[in-house]
N, C-alpha and C. Protein backbone atom coordinates (compact mmCIF):
# COMPACT_ATOMS: atom_id res chain seq x y z
N MET A 1 94.96 159.32 13.23
CA MET A 1 96.34 158.96 13.43
C MET A 1 96.89 158.37 12.12
N ALA A 2 98.21 158.49 11.92
CA ALA A 2 98.77 157.84 10.78
C ALA A 2 98.63 156.32 10.93
N LYS A 3 98.24 155.70 9.84
CA LYS A 3 97.83 154.32 9.91
C LYS A 3 98.98 153.34 10.13
N ASP A 4 100.23 153.85 10.01
CA ASP A 4 101.34 152.95 10.27
C ASP A 4 101.81 153.14 11.72
N GLU A 5 101.06 153.89 12.56
CA GLU A 5 101.45 154.08 13.94
C GLU A 5 100.55 153.30 14.84
N LYS A 6 101.02 153.03 16.06
CA LYS A 6 100.21 152.35 17.04
C LYS A 6 99.24 153.36 17.69
N THR A 7 98.23 152.85 18.26
CA THR A 7 97.20 153.67 18.98
C THR A 7 97.87 154.38 20.15
N LYS A 8 97.70 155.68 20.25
CA LYS A 8 98.29 156.49 21.35
C LYS A 8 97.23 156.74 22.41
N VAL A 9 97.65 156.43 23.68
CA VAL A 9 96.76 156.54 24.83
C VAL A 9 97.32 157.57 25.82
N LEU A 10 96.45 158.53 26.22
CA LEU A 10 96.80 159.45 27.28
C LEU A 10 96.19 158.91 28.56
N LEU A 11 97.02 158.50 29.52
CA LEU A 11 96.60 157.96 30.78
C LEU A 11 96.93 159.01 31.88
N VAL A 12 95.92 159.44 32.55
CA VAL A 12 96.08 160.44 33.65
C VAL A 12 95.56 159.82 34.92
N GLU A 13 96.52 159.44 35.82
CA GLU A 13 96.17 158.69 37.03
C GLU A 13 97.11 159.08 38.15
N ASP A 14 96.59 159.58 39.28
CA ASP A 14 97.44 160.08 40.37
C ASP A 14 98.01 158.99 41.27
N ASP A 15 97.41 157.80 41.21
CA ASP A 15 97.94 156.64 41.91
C ASP A 15 99.12 156.10 41.11
N LYS A 16 100.31 156.36 41.53
CA LYS A 16 101.53 156.01 40.72
C LYS A 16 101.62 154.50 40.49
N ASN A 17 101.28 153.72 41.52
CA ASN A 17 101.39 152.28 41.38
C ASN A 17 100.43 151.76 40.28
N LEU A 18 99.13 152.17 40.39
CA LEU A 18 98.15 151.79 39.43
C LEU A 18 98.53 152.35 38.04
N GLY A 19 98.98 153.60 37.99
CA GLY A 19 99.36 154.21 36.72
C GLY A 19 100.44 153.44 36.04
N ASN A 20 101.46 153.02 36.78
CA ASN A 20 102.56 152.28 36.19
C ASN A 20 102.16 150.86 35.74
N ILE A 21 101.24 150.24 36.50
CA ILE A 21 100.72 148.92 36.11
C ILE A 21 99.96 149.05 34.80
N LEU A 22 99.08 150.02 34.72
CA LEU A 22 98.30 150.25 33.48
C LEU A 22 99.20 150.57 32.30
N LEU A 23 100.22 151.43 32.55
CA LEU A 23 101.17 151.79 31.51
C LEU A 23 101.83 150.58 30.95
N GLU A 24 102.35 149.69 31.82
CA GLU A 24 103.06 148.52 31.35
C GLU A 24 102.12 147.56 30.63
N TYR A 25 100.91 147.42 31.16
CA TYR A 25 99.93 146.50 30.54
C TYR A 25 99.53 146.99 29.12
N LEU A 26 99.22 148.28 29.02
CA LEU A 26 98.82 148.81 27.67
C LEU A 26 99.94 148.74 26.68
N ASP A 27 101.16 149.05 27.16
CA ASP A 27 102.29 148.99 26.23
C ASP A 27 102.51 147.56 25.79
N ALA A 28 102.33 146.62 26.68
CA ALA A 28 102.49 145.15 26.35
C ALA A 28 101.44 144.73 25.34
N LYS A 29 100.29 145.39 25.32
CA LYS A 29 99.20 145.07 24.40
C LYS A 29 99.34 145.84 23.07
N GLY A 30 100.40 146.58 22.89
CA GLY A 30 100.65 147.23 21.62
C GLY A 30 100.28 148.69 21.53
N TYR A 31 99.85 149.29 22.64
CA TYR A 31 99.54 150.68 22.65
C TYR A 31 100.78 151.50 23.02
N VAL A 32 100.78 152.76 22.60
CA VAL A 32 101.82 153.70 23.01
C VAL A 32 101.19 154.61 24.08
N THR A 33 101.63 154.49 25.32
CA THR A 33 100.93 155.14 26.42
C THR A 33 101.75 156.19 27.07
N SER A 34 101.16 157.39 27.33
CA SER A 34 101.82 158.47 28.08
C SER A 34 101.10 158.58 29.44
N LEU A 35 101.85 158.66 30.50
CA LEU A 35 101.31 158.73 31.88
C LEU A 35 101.50 160.09 32.49
N ALA A 36 100.44 160.69 32.97
CA ALA A 36 100.53 161.90 33.79
C ALA A 36 99.93 161.66 35.11
N VAL A 37 100.32 162.39 36.14
CA VAL A 37 99.88 162.10 37.52
C VAL A 37 98.91 163.14 38.03
N ASN A 38 98.60 164.15 37.26
CA ASN A 38 97.56 165.12 37.68
C ASN A 38 96.98 165.75 36.40
N GLY A 39 95.87 166.44 36.58
CA GLY A 39 95.15 166.99 35.44
C GLY A 39 95.94 168.04 34.68
N LYS A 40 96.69 168.85 35.36
CA LYS A 40 97.49 169.89 34.62
C LYS A 40 98.52 169.21 33.77
N GLN A 41 99.24 168.25 34.32
CA GLN A 41 100.26 167.52 33.54
C GLN A 41 99.63 166.77 32.37
N GLY A 42 98.44 166.25 32.63
CA GLY A 42 97.70 165.56 31.57
C GLY A 42 97.37 166.48 30.39
N TYR A 43 96.91 167.68 30.72
CA TYR A 43 96.57 168.64 29.66
C TYR A 43 97.81 169.10 28.90
N ASP A 44 98.91 169.26 29.65
CA ASP A 44 100.18 169.64 28.97
C ASP A 44 100.57 168.60 27.93
N LEU A 45 100.44 167.32 28.29
CA LEU A 45 100.74 166.23 27.36
C LEU A 45 99.80 166.29 26.18
N PHE A 46 98.48 166.43 26.49
CA PHE A 46 97.48 166.46 25.44
C PHE A 46 97.74 167.55 24.44
N SER A 47 98.18 168.69 24.89
CA SER A 47 98.41 169.83 23.99
C SER A 47 99.61 169.64 23.11
N LYS A 48 100.47 168.72 23.43
CA LYS A 48 101.72 168.51 22.64
C LYS A 48 101.70 167.31 21.70
N THR A 49 100.79 166.36 21.96
CA THR A 49 100.73 165.11 21.19
C THR A 49 99.31 164.79 20.74
N LYS A 50 99.19 164.20 19.58
CA LYS A 50 97.90 163.71 19.05
C LYS A 50 97.62 162.30 19.59
N TYR A 51 96.62 162.20 20.51
CA TYR A 51 96.24 160.92 21.09
C TYR A 51 94.99 160.43 20.44
N ASP A 52 94.79 159.10 20.57
CA ASP A 52 93.60 158.45 20.02
C ASP A 52 92.54 158.20 21.06
N ILE A 53 92.92 158.12 22.37
CA ILE A 53 91.94 157.88 23.42
C ILE A 53 92.56 158.39 24.72
N CYS A 54 91.67 158.89 25.65
CA CYS A 54 92.12 159.40 26.98
C CYS A 54 91.53 158.57 28.08
N LEU A 55 92.32 158.09 29.02
CA LEU A 55 91.85 157.45 30.24
C LEU A 55 92.15 158.36 31.40
N LEU A 56 91.11 158.86 32.06
CA LEU A 56 91.27 159.91 33.05
C LEU A 56 90.75 159.47 34.42
N ASP A 57 91.59 159.58 35.44
CA ASP A 57 91.14 159.42 36.81
C ASP A 57 90.25 160.65 37.12
N VAL A 58 89.31 160.47 38.05
CA VAL A 58 88.44 161.59 38.39
C VAL A 58 89.04 162.43 39.52
N MET A 59 89.40 161.79 40.63
CA MET A 59 89.93 162.51 41.83
C MET A 59 91.41 162.70 41.70
N MET A 60 91.86 163.87 41.32
CA MET A 60 93.28 164.13 41.14
C MET A 60 93.66 165.49 41.73
N PRO A 61 94.92 165.62 42.14
CA PRO A 61 95.36 166.91 42.67
C PRO A 61 95.55 167.88 41.44
N VAL A 62 95.63 169.15 41.78
CA VAL A 62 95.90 170.27 40.83
C VAL A 62 94.69 170.52 39.92
N LYS A 63 94.24 169.50 39.24
CA LYS A 63 93.07 169.64 38.33
C LYS A 63 92.40 168.25 38.25
N ASP A 64 91.06 168.22 38.53
CA ASP A 64 90.39 166.92 38.54
C ASP A 64 90.04 166.44 37.16
N GLY A 65 89.57 165.21 37.03
CA GLY A 65 89.32 164.60 35.72
C GLY A 65 88.17 165.25 34.99
N PHE A 66 87.13 165.71 35.70
CA PHE A 66 86.00 166.33 35.03
C PHE A 66 86.46 167.63 34.35
N THR A 67 87.26 168.43 35.06
CA THR A 67 87.75 169.69 34.52
C THR A 67 88.65 169.40 33.32
N LEU A 68 89.54 168.42 33.43
CA LEU A 68 90.40 168.09 32.31
C LEU A 68 89.64 167.64 31.12
N ALA A 69 88.59 166.79 31.34
CA ALA A 69 87.76 166.32 30.23
C ALA A 69 87.09 167.48 29.48
N ARG A 70 86.58 168.47 30.25
CA ARG A 70 85.96 169.59 29.59
C ARG A 70 86.96 170.42 28.76
N GLU A 71 88.16 170.53 29.26
CA GLU A 71 89.20 171.28 28.54
C GLU A 71 89.64 170.49 27.27
N ILE A 72 89.70 169.18 27.38
CA ILE A 72 90.03 168.36 26.20
C ILE A 72 88.91 168.45 25.16
N ARG A 73 87.65 168.38 25.67
CA ARG A 73 86.51 168.46 24.75
C ARG A 73 86.43 169.82 24.02
N ALA A 74 86.91 170.86 24.64
CA ALA A 74 86.90 172.19 24.01
C ALA A 74 87.83 172.24 22.82
N VAL A 75 88.86 171.37 22.84
CA VAL A 75 89.86 171.33 21.74
C VAL A 75 89.49 170.24 20.75
N ASP A 76 89.05 169.09 21.22
CA ASP A 76 88.74 167.96 20.35
C ASP A 76 87.40 167.33 20.75
N LYS A 77 86.44 167.52 19.91
CA LYS A 77 85.04 167.04 20.24
C LYS A 77 84.87 165.53 20.04
N ASN A 78 85.85 164.90 19.38
CA ASN A 78 85.63 163.51 18.96
C ASN A 78 86.54 162.54 19.70
N ILE A 79 87.60 162.93 20.30
CA ILE A 79 88.53 161.97 20.94
C ILE A 79 87.78 161.22 22.06
N PRO A 80 87.85 159.85 22.10
CA PRO A 80 87.21 159.10 23.17
C PRO A 80 87.81 159.35 24.52
N ILE A 81 86.94 159.49 25.52
CA ILE A 81 87.37 159.70 26.92
C ILE A 81 86.72 158.67 27.79
N VAL A 82 87.56 157.98 28.63
CA VAL A 82 87.03 156.98 29.57
C VAL A 82 87.49 157.43 30.94
N PHE A 83 86.51 157.50 31.90
CA PHE A 83 86.90 157.85 33.26
C PHE A 83 87.19 156.58 34.06
N LEU A 84 88.28 156.69 34.87
CA LEU A 84 88.65 155.63 35.80
C LEU A 84 88.44 156.20 37.16
N THR A 85 87.55 155.60 37.98
CA THR A 85 87.29 156.21 39.27
C THR A 85 86.79 155.21 40.31
N ALA A 86 87.14 155.51 41.54
CA ALA A 86 86.63 154.72 42.69
C ALA A 86 85.28 155.17 43.11
N LYS A 87 84.84 156.32 42.60
CA LYS A 87 83.54 156.85 42.95
C LYS A 87 82.45 156.20 42.12
N SER A 88 81.36 155.81 42.76
CA SER A 88 80.32 155.12 42.01
C SER A 88 78.94 155.74 42.19
N MET A 89 78.90 156.97 42.80
CA MET A 89 77.65 157.60 43.01
C MET A 89 77.01 158.07 41.69
N LYS A 90 75.70 157.96 41.58
CA LYS A 90 75.01 158.27 40.36
C LYS A 90 75.29 159.66 39.86
N GLU A 91 75.41 160.61 40.83
CA GLU A 91 75.64 162.01 40.48
C GLU A 91 77.00 162.17 39.77
N ASP A 92 77.99 161.43 40.25
CA ASP A 92 79.32 161.53 39.64
C ASP A 92 79.33 160.94 38.27
N THR A 93 78.56 159.85 38.07
CA THR A 93 78.48 159.23 36.72
C THR A 93 77.88 160.20 35.78
N ILE A 94 76.79 160.87 36.16
CA ILE A 94 76.13 161.88 35.35
C ILE A 94 77.04 163.01 35.01
N GLU A 95 77.80 163.51 36.06
CA GLU A 95 78.71 164.61 35.82
C GLU A 95 79.79 164.21 34.82
N GLY A 96 80.21 162.93 34.94
CA GLY A 96 81.26 162.45 33.98
C GLY A 96 80.74 162.46 32.57
N PHE A 97 79.58 161.99 32.33
CA PHE A 97 79.05 162.05 30.94
C PHE A 97 78.76 163.46 30.50
N ASN A 98 78.34 164.31 31.37
CA ASN A 98 78.14 165.74 31.03
C ASN A 98 79.47 166.40 30.69
N ALA A 99 80.54 165.90 31.26
CA ALA A 99 81.89 166.45 30.95
C ALA A 99 82.43 165.93 29.61
N GLY A 100 81.71 164.95 29.05
CA GLY A 100 82.18 164.47 27.71
C GLY A 100 82.68 163.06 27.67
N ALA A 101 82.40 162.29 28.71
CA ALA A 101 82.89 160.91 28.77
C ALA A 101 82.18 160.02 27.73
N ASP A 102 82.94 159.08 27.17
CA ASP A 102 82.34 158.06 26.35
C ASP A 102 82.05 156.81 27.13
N ASP A 103 82.77 156.61 28.26
CA ASP A 103 82.54 155.44 29.11
C ASP A 103 83.06 155.76 30.47
N TYR A 104 82.76 154.87 31.44
CA TYR A 104 82.98 155.13 32.85
C TYR A 104 83.29 153.75 33.46
N ILE A 105 84.44 153.57 34.06
CA ILE A 105 84.76 152.26 34.62
C ILE A 105 85.19 152.46 36.07
N ALA A 106 84.53 151.76 37.01
CA ALA A 106 84.75 151.92 38.40
C ALA A 106 85.91 151.02 38.92
N LYS A 107 86.76 151.57 39.75
CA LYS A 107 87.81 150.79 40.40
C LYS A 107 87.20 149.97 41.53
N PRO A 108 87.73 148.80 41.86
CA PRO A 108 88.75 148.11 41.08
C PRO A 108 88.17 147.44 39.81
N PHE A 109 88.92 147.41 38.76
CA PHE A 109 88.48 146.79 37.50
C PHE A 109 89.59 145.86 37.01
N SER A 110 89.20 144.90 36.16
CA SER A 110 90.20 144.02 35.58
C SER A 110 90.83 144.66 34.37
N MET A 111 92.04 144.35 34.10
CA MET A 111 92.74 144.91 32.90
C MET A 111 91.99 144.44 31.61
N GLU A 112 91.51 143.23 31.67
CA GLU A 112 90.75 142.69 30.48
C GLU A 112 89.48 143.54 30.23
N GLU A 113 88.79 143.88 31.29
CA GLU A 113 87.58 144.72 31.08
C GLU A 113 87.90 146.05 30.50
N LEU A 114 88.96 146.70 30.99
CA LEU A 114 89.37 147.97 30.50
C LEU A 114 89.74 147.87 28.99
N LEU A 115 90.48 146.83 28.64
CA LEU A 115 90.93 146.62 27.25
C LEU A 115 89.69 146.42 26.36
N LEU A 116 88.71 145.65 26.81
CA LEU A 116 87.49 145.43 26.02
C LEU A 116 86.71 146.73 25.82
N ARG A 117 86.62 147.55 26.91
CA ARG A 117 85.96 148.81 26.76
C ARG A 117 86.66 149.71 25.76
N MET A 118 87.96 149.80 25.87
CA MET A 118 88.75 150.64 24.96
C MET A 118 88.62 150.17 23.52
N THR A 119 88.70 148.86 23.30
CA THR A 119 88.59 148.30 21.93
C THR A 119 87.24 148.62 21.35
N ALA A 120 86.15 148.48 22.13
CA ALA A 120 84.83 148.77 21.61
C ALA A 120 84.68 150.26 21.20
N ILE A 121 85.17 151.14 22.10
CA ILE A 121 85.07 152.54 21.78
C ILE A 121 85.85 152.97 20.58
N LEU A 122 87.12 152.45 20.50
CA LEU A 122 87.99 152.77 19.34
C LEU A 122 87.39 152.23 18.07
N ARG A 123 86.82 151.02 18.09
CA ARG A 123 86.17 150.44 16.91
C ARG A 123 85.03 151.34 16.44
N ARG A 124 84.24 151.76 17.44
CA ARG A 124 83.06 152.64 17.06
C ARG A 124 83.53 153.97 16.44
N THR A 125 84.55 154.56 17.01
CA THR A 125 85.00 155.84 16.48
C THR A 125 85.68 155.68 15.10
N GLN A 126 86.37 154.53 14.93
CA GLN A 126 87.03 154.30 13.63
C GLN A 126 85.99 154.06 12.56
N ASN A 127 84.90 153.33 12.92
CA ASN A 127 83.83 153.11 11.95
C ASN A 127 83.21 154.43 11.59
N GLN A 128 83.02 155.30 12.56
CA GLN A 128 82.38 156.61 12.29
C GLN A 128 83.29 157.40 11.42
N THR A 129 84.59 157.32 11.62
CA THR A 129 85.52 158.09 10.75
C THR A 129 85.37 157.65 9.30
N LEU A 130 85.27 156.32 9.09
CA LEU A 130 85.10 155.79 7.72
C LEU A 130 83.81 156.29 7.13
N LYS A 131 82.68 156.22 7.87
CA LYS A 131 81.39 156.64 7.38
C LYS A 131 81.35 158.14 7.13
N ASN A 132 82.06 158.94 7.96
CA ASN A 132 81.97 160.36 7.85
C ASN A 132 82.94 160.95 6.82
N SER A 133 83.82 160.12 6.26
CA SER A 133 84.70 160.64 5.25
C SER A 133 83.86 161.08 4.02
N GLU A 134 83.91 162.35 3.71
CA GLU A 134 83.02 162.92 2.73
C GLU A 134 83.32 162.43 1.31
N GLN A 135 84.59 162.23 0.97
CA GLN A 135 84.98 161.87 -0.38
C GLN A 135 84.41 160.50 -0.76
N SER A 136 83.74 160.41 -1.90
CA SER A 136 83.20 159.15 -2.34
C SER A 136 83.65 158.78 -3.74
N GLU A 137 84.37 159.70 -4.43
CA GLU A 137 84.86 159.42 -5.74
C GLU A 137 86.40 159.57 -5.77
N PHE A 138 87.07 158.58 -6.30
CA PHE A 138 88.54 158.61 -6.33
C PHE A 138 89.08 158.27 -7.70
N LYS A 139 90.19 158.87 -8.06
CA LYS A 139 90.88 158.51 -9.32
C LYS A 139 92.10 157.69 -8.94
N ILE A 140 92.08 156.47 -9.37
CA ILE A 140 93.18 155.56 -9.10
C ILE A 140 93.89 155.20 -10.42
N GLY A 141 94.93 156.01 -10.77
CA GLY A 141 95.54 155.84 -12.07
C GLY A 141 94.53 156.07 -13.15
N ALA A 142 94.33 155.07 -14.01
CA ALA A 142 93.38 155.11 -15.10
C ALA A 142 91.97 154.76 -14.67
N TYR A 143 91.79 154.37 -13.43
CA TYR A 143 90.48 153.92 -12.92
C TYR A 143 89.76 155.08 -12.25
N LYS A 144 88.41 154.95 -12.23
CA LYS A 144 87.56 155.80 -11.47
C LYS A 144 86.79 154.95 -10.48
N PHE A 145 86.97 155.24 -9.18
CA PHE A 145 86.32 154.46 -8.13
C PHE A 145 85.19 155.28 -7.54
N ASP A 146 83.99 154.77 -7.64
CA ASP A 146 82.81 155.42 -7.00
C ASP A 146 82.40 154.64 -5.78
N TYR A 147 82.81 155.09 -4.60
CA TYR A 147 82.47 154.38 -3.36
C TYR A 147 80.99 154.30 -3.12
N LYS A 148 80.28 155.35 -3.37
CA LYS A 148 78.85 155.41 -3.08
C LYS A 148 78.09 154.35 -3.87
N HIS A 149 78.47 154.17 -5.12
CA HIS A 149 77.78 153.24 -5.98
C HIS A 149 78.54 151.88 -6.08
N GLN A 150 79.68 151.77 -5.42
CA GLN A 150 80.48 150.55 -5.36
C GLN A 150 80.87 150.04 -6.75
N THR A 151 81.44 150.97 -7.51
CA THR A 151 81.87 150.59 -8.88
C THR A 151 83.30 151.03 -9.10
N LEU A 152 84.04 150.27 -9.97
CA LEU A 152 85.37 150.61 -10.37
C LEU A 152 85.36 150.64 -11.91
N ASP A 153 85.71 151.74 -12.48
CA ASP A 153 85.54 151.93 -13.96
C ASP A 153 86.89 152.21 -14.62
N ILE A 154 87.15 151.58 -15.74
CA ILE A 154 88.30 151.87 -16.57
C ILE A 154 87.97 151.77 -18.03
N LYS A 155 88.06 152.87 -18.73
CA LYS A 155 87.78 152.93 -20.17
C LYS A 155 86.37 152.40 -20.47
N GLY A 156 85.41 152.74 -19.63
CA GLY A 156 84.07 152.30 -19.91
C GLY A 156 83.74 150.93 -19.42
N LYS A 157 84.73 150.20 -18.97
CA LYS A 157 84.56 148.87 -18.42
C LYS A 157 84.34 148.96 -16.92
N LYS A 158 83.14 148.49 -16.50
CA LYS A 158 82.77 148.67 -15.09
C LYS A 158 82.81 147.33 -14.29
N GLN A 159 83.42 147.43 -13.10
CA GLN A 159 83.44 146.31 -12.20
C GLN A 159 82.63 146.66 -10.93
N ASN A 160 81.59 145.89 -10.67
CA ASN A 160 80.79 146.11 -9.44
C ASN A 160 81.53 145.48 -8.31
N LEU A 161 81.56 146.21 -7.18
CA LEU A 161 82.28 145.77 -5.95
C LEU A 161 81.29 145.42 -4.85
N THR A 162 81.72 144.54 -3.96
CA THR A 162 80.95 144.25 -2.78
C THR A 162 81.20 145.34 -1.74
N THR A 163 80.37 145.36 -0.73
CA THR A 163 80.54 146.42 0.31
C THR A 163 81.90 146.36 0.93
N LYS A 164 82.38 145.17 1.30
CA LYS A 164 83.70 145.05 1.92
C LYS A 164 84.81 145.44 0.96
N GLU A 165 84.70 145.08 -0.31
CA GLU A 165 85.68 145.49 -1.29
C GLU A 165 85.75 146.99 -1.41
N SER A 166 84.56 147.60 -1.39
CA SER A 166 84.49 149.08 -1.47
C SER A 166 85.08 149.76 -0.27
N ASP A 167 84.71 149.24 0.92
CA ASP A 167 85.24 149.80 2.18
C ASP A 167 86.75 149.69 2.22
N LEU A 168 87.27 148.53 1.82
CA LEU A 168 88.70 148.32 1.90
C LEU A 168 89.47 149.20 0.85
N LEU A 169 88.89 149.30 -0.32
CA LEU A 169 89.49 150.18 -1.37
C LEU A 169 89.47 151.61 -0.97
N LYS A 170 88.39 151.99 -0.32
CA LYS A 170 88.28 153.42 0.17
C LYS A 170 89.34 153.70 1.18
N LEU A 171 89.55 152.80 2.15
CA LEU A 171 90.61 153.00 3.14
C LEU A 171 92.00 153.07 2.48
N LEU A 172 92.23 152.24 1.49
CA LEU A 172 93.53 152.28 0.78
C LEU A 172 93.68 153.64 0.03
N CYS A 173 92.55 154.11 -0.55
CA CYS A 173 92.62 155.43 -1.28
C CYS A 173 92.90 156.57 -0.33
N ILE A 174 92.18 156.58 0.80
CA ILE A 174 92.36 157.63 1.78
C ILE A 174 93.80 157.68 2.28
N ASN A 175 94.40 156.47 2.37
CA ASN A 175 95.83 156.42 2.86
C ASN A 175 96.77 156.16 1.74
N SER A 176 96.47 156.55 0.51
CA SER A 176 97.30 156.26 -0.65
C SER A 176 98.76 156.77 -0.39
N ASN A 177 99.69 155.97 -0.82
CA ASN A 177 101.12 156.21 -0.65
C ASN A 177 101.56 156.23 0.81
N ASP A 178 100.67 155.80 1.71
CA ASP A 178 100.98 155.67 3.12
C ASP A 178 100.57 154.25 3.52
N VAL A 179 100.98 153.79 4.67
CA VAL A 179 100.65 152.42 5.10
C VAL A 179 99.24 152.42 5.73
N LEU A 180 98.42 151.51 5.26
CA LEU A 180 97.11 151.27 5.91
C LEU A 180 97.35 150.11 6.91
N ASP A 181 97.27 150.47 8.20
CA ASP A 181 97.50 149.49 9.28
C ASP A 181 96.56 148.31 9.15
N ARG A 182 97.09 147.11 9.20
CA ARG A 182 96.33 145.89 9.06
C ARG A 182 95.23 145.77 10.08
N ASN A 183 95.60 145.95 11.38
CA ASN A 183 94.61 145.81 12.43
C ASN A 183 93.55 146.91 12.40
N PHE A 184 93.96 148.10 12.00
CA PHE A 184 92.99 149.20 11.89
C PHE A 184 91.93 148.83 10.81
N ALA A 185 92.41 148.33 9.65
CA ALA A 185 91.46 147.96 8.58
C ALA A 185 90.56 146.83 9.04
N LEU A 186 91.08 145.84 9.74
CA LEU A 186 90.26 144.77 10.22
C LEU A 186 89.21 145.19 11.19
N ASN A 187 89.59 146.04 12.18
CA ASN A 187 88.65 146.49 13.18
C ASN A 187 87.64 147.44 12.55
N THR A 188 88.03 148.22 11.56
CA THR A 188 87.10 149.16 10.91
C THR A 188 86.07 148.49 10.06
N ILE A 189 86.50 147.49 9.32
CA ILE A 189 85.55 146.83 8.31
C ILE A 189 85.00 145.56 8.82
N TRP A 190 85.83 144.72 9.48
CA TRP A 190 85.32 143.42 9.98
C TRP A 190 84.94 143.41 11.48
N GLN A 191 85.24 144.52 12.13
CA GLN A 191 84.96 144.68 13.57
C GLN A 191 85.70 143.65 14.42
N ASP A 192 86.78 143.10 13.89
CA ASP A 192 87.57 142.13 14.60
C ASP A 192 88.92 141.97 13.87
N ASP A 193 89.98 141.65 14.65
CA ASP A 193 91.26 141.48 14.01
C ASP A 193 91.86 140.07 14.24
N ASP A 194 90.96 139.08 14.38
CA ASP A 194 91.43 137.77 14.63
C ASP A 194 92.01 137.12 13.34
N TYR A 195 92.60 135.95 13.49
CA TYR A 195 93.33 135.28 12.40
C TYR A 195 92.44 135.04 11.19
N PHE A 196 91.20 134.56 11.39
CA PHE A 196 90.34 134.20 10.33
C PHE A 196 89.82 135.44 9.56
N LYS A 197 89.57 136.48 10.28
CA LYS A 197 89.19 137.73 9.59
C LYS A 197 90.35 138.23 8.77
N GLY A 198 91.58 138.09 9.32
CA GLY A 198 92.78 138.50 8.60
C GLY A 198 92.94 137.75 7.29
N ARG A 199 92.70 136.43 7.31
CA ARG A 199 92.78 135.66 6.11
C ARG A 199 91.75 136.10 5.08
N SER A 200 90.54 136.46 5.59
CA SER A 200 89.49 136.98 4.73
C SER A 200 89.89 138.26 4.07
N MET A 201 90.53 139.15 4.80
CA MET A 201 90.99 140.39 4.21
C MET A 201 92.04 140.18 3.19
N ASP A 202 92.91 139.22 3.36
CA ASP A 202 93.91 138.90 2.35
C ASP A 202 93.28 138.45 1.05
N VAL A 203 92.15 137.75 1.14
CA VAL A 203 91.43 137.34 -0.09
C VAL A 203 90.87 138.58 -0.79
N TYR A 204 90.35 139.57 -0.01
CA TYR A 204 89.80 140.76 -0.64
C TYR A 204 90.92 141.61 -1.23
N ILE A 205 92.08 141.64 -0.60
CA ILE A 205 93.24 142.37 -1.14
C ILE A 205 93.63 141.76 -2.53
N ALA A 206 93.62 140.42 -2.58
CA ALA A 206 93.94 139.72 -3.87
C ALA A 206 92.93 140.07 -4.93
N LYS A 207 91.66 140.18 -4.56
CA LYS A 207 90.59 140.54 -5.53
C LYS A 207 90.82 141.99 -6.04
N LEU A 208 91.16 142.87 -5.12
CA LEU A 208 91.37 144.27 -5.55
C LEU A 208 92.58 144.37 -6.50
N ARG A 209 93.61 143.57 -6.21
CA ARG A 209 94.78 143.59 -7.09
C ARG A 209 94.38 143.13 -8.49
N LYS A 210 93.52 142.10 -8.55
CA LYS A 210 93.03 141.63 -9.84
C LYS A 210 92.27 142.68 -10.58
N TYR A 211 91.39 143.38 -9.85
CA TYR A 211 90.53 144.42 -10.49
C TYR A 211 91.38 145.56 -11.00
N LEU A 212 92.52 145.86 -10.39
CA LEU A 212 93.34 146.98 -10.74
C LEU A 212 94.51 146.66 -11.63
N LYS A 213 94.56 145.43 -12.16
CA LYS A 213 95.74 144.97 -12.91
C LYS A 213 95.90 145.59 -14.30
N GLU A 214 94.81 146.23 -14.80
CA GLU A 214 94.86 146.80 -16.18
C GLU A 214 95.67 148.06 -16.19
N ASP A 215 95.99 148.66 -15.04
CA ASP A 215 96.88 149.84 -15.02
C ASP A 215 98.12 149.41 -14.26
N PRO A 216 99.26 149.14 -14.94
CA PRO A 216 100.48 148.66 -14.33
C PRO A 216 101.13 149.70 -13.39
N THR A 217 100.70 150.90 -13.39
CA THR A 217 101.27 151.93 -12.48
C THR A 217 100.67 151.84 -11.09
N ILE A 218 99.55 151.13 -10.96
CA ILE A 218 98.85 150.96 -9.67
C ILE A 218 99.27 149.64 -9.02
N GLU A 219 99.55 149.72 -7.75
CA GLU A 219 99.97 148.48 -7.06
C GLU A 219 99.58 148.59 -5.58
N ILE A 220 99.11 147.44 -5.05
CA ILE A 220 98.88 147.34 -3.63
C ILE A 220 100.00 146.51 -3.00
N LEU A 221 100.86 147.15 -2.23
CA LEU A 221 102.00 146.46 -1.67
C LEU A 221 101.71 145.91 -0.26
N ASN A 222 102.34 144.80 0.01
CA ASN A 222 102.32 144.24 1.40
C ASN A 222 103.48 144.95 2.14
N VAL A 223 103.20 145.50 3.28
CA VAL A 223 104.26 146.11 4.13
C VAL A 223 104.42 145.18 5.31
N HIS A 224 105.50 144.39 5.37
CA HIS A 224 105.64 143.33 6.35
C HIS A 224 105.53 143.82 7.81
N GLY A 225 104.63 143.17 8.51
CA GLY A 225 104.40 143.49 9.92
C GLY A 225 103.58 144.70 10.17
N LYS A 226 103.09 145.37 9.10
CA LYS A 226 102.33 146.61 9.29
C LYS A 226 100.95 146.53 8.56
N GLY A 227 101.00 146.38 7.22
CA GLY A 227 99.71 146.41 6.52
C GLY A 227 99.90 146.49 5.02
N PHE A 228 99.19 147.41 4.38
CA PHE A 228 99.21 147.52 2.90
C PHE A 228 99.37 148.96 2.49
N LYS A 229 99.91 149.16 1.33
CA LYS A 229 100.06 150.51 0.80
C LYS A 229 99.67 150.52 -0.70
N LEU A 230 98.75 151.42 -1.02
CA LEU A 230 98.32 151.62 -2.40
C LEU A 230 99.20 152.70 -3.02
N ILE A 231 99.93 152.35 -4.06
CA ILE A 231 100.81 153.33 -4.70
C ILE A 231 100.38 153.55 -6.17
N GLY A 232 100.65 154.74 -6.67
CA GLY A 232 100.39 155.07 -8.06
C GLY A 232 99.26 156.09 -8.18
N MET A 233 98.56 156.40 -7.09
CA MET A 233 97.48 157.45 -7.18
C MET A 233 98.16 158.81 -7.30
N LYS A 234 97.59 159.67 -8.07
CA LYS A 234 98.12 161.05 -8.22
C LYS A 234 97.41 161.96 -7.22
């Protein structure tokens, strides 16, 4: 997803009351949620929009959740899928994971539990995205950044970086000239987006600015209410 956008959730739930309650709750928590009331409608939405996570009821008219999950998996092997179901039989749980589920939550559940499950899954997939990014060398203006060896080089002058400095600079490079969402960076690198972790990241941003100051064309901007933007990379 573009890092200046909120996390997009596909919610497919045939119980309209529960669906609307979940929709309002997730939107209040900062997610952008689309609600479908059956599997066919859910797949139609999925095919038109790039989502970050899917919450699927199992027992639905027109097309059940297991079928929908398999269809989604055929298109996107990595998107997280969580089943919401009143069914708790072992066979159904196994079928859910065979259909490609990342998690399974039985009704009735608390909103807080659902949010914790979603946060954990999204954190895990975001971390995997960072680790799986193949590029390890970047040209930042006059600098050469080697992520693998955690070094920043300009005119033969080498600066060794800490792991967190390297991870943060890599995210900025991957999103160069675009906004790196503050909460995304915190959850990806610090595994938390609380106030104290946020202050810690601000310290690391200040360090990176200091390291990059010898090339005046390179700048890390604060984007109010969103995050940071690295500009000047070609």
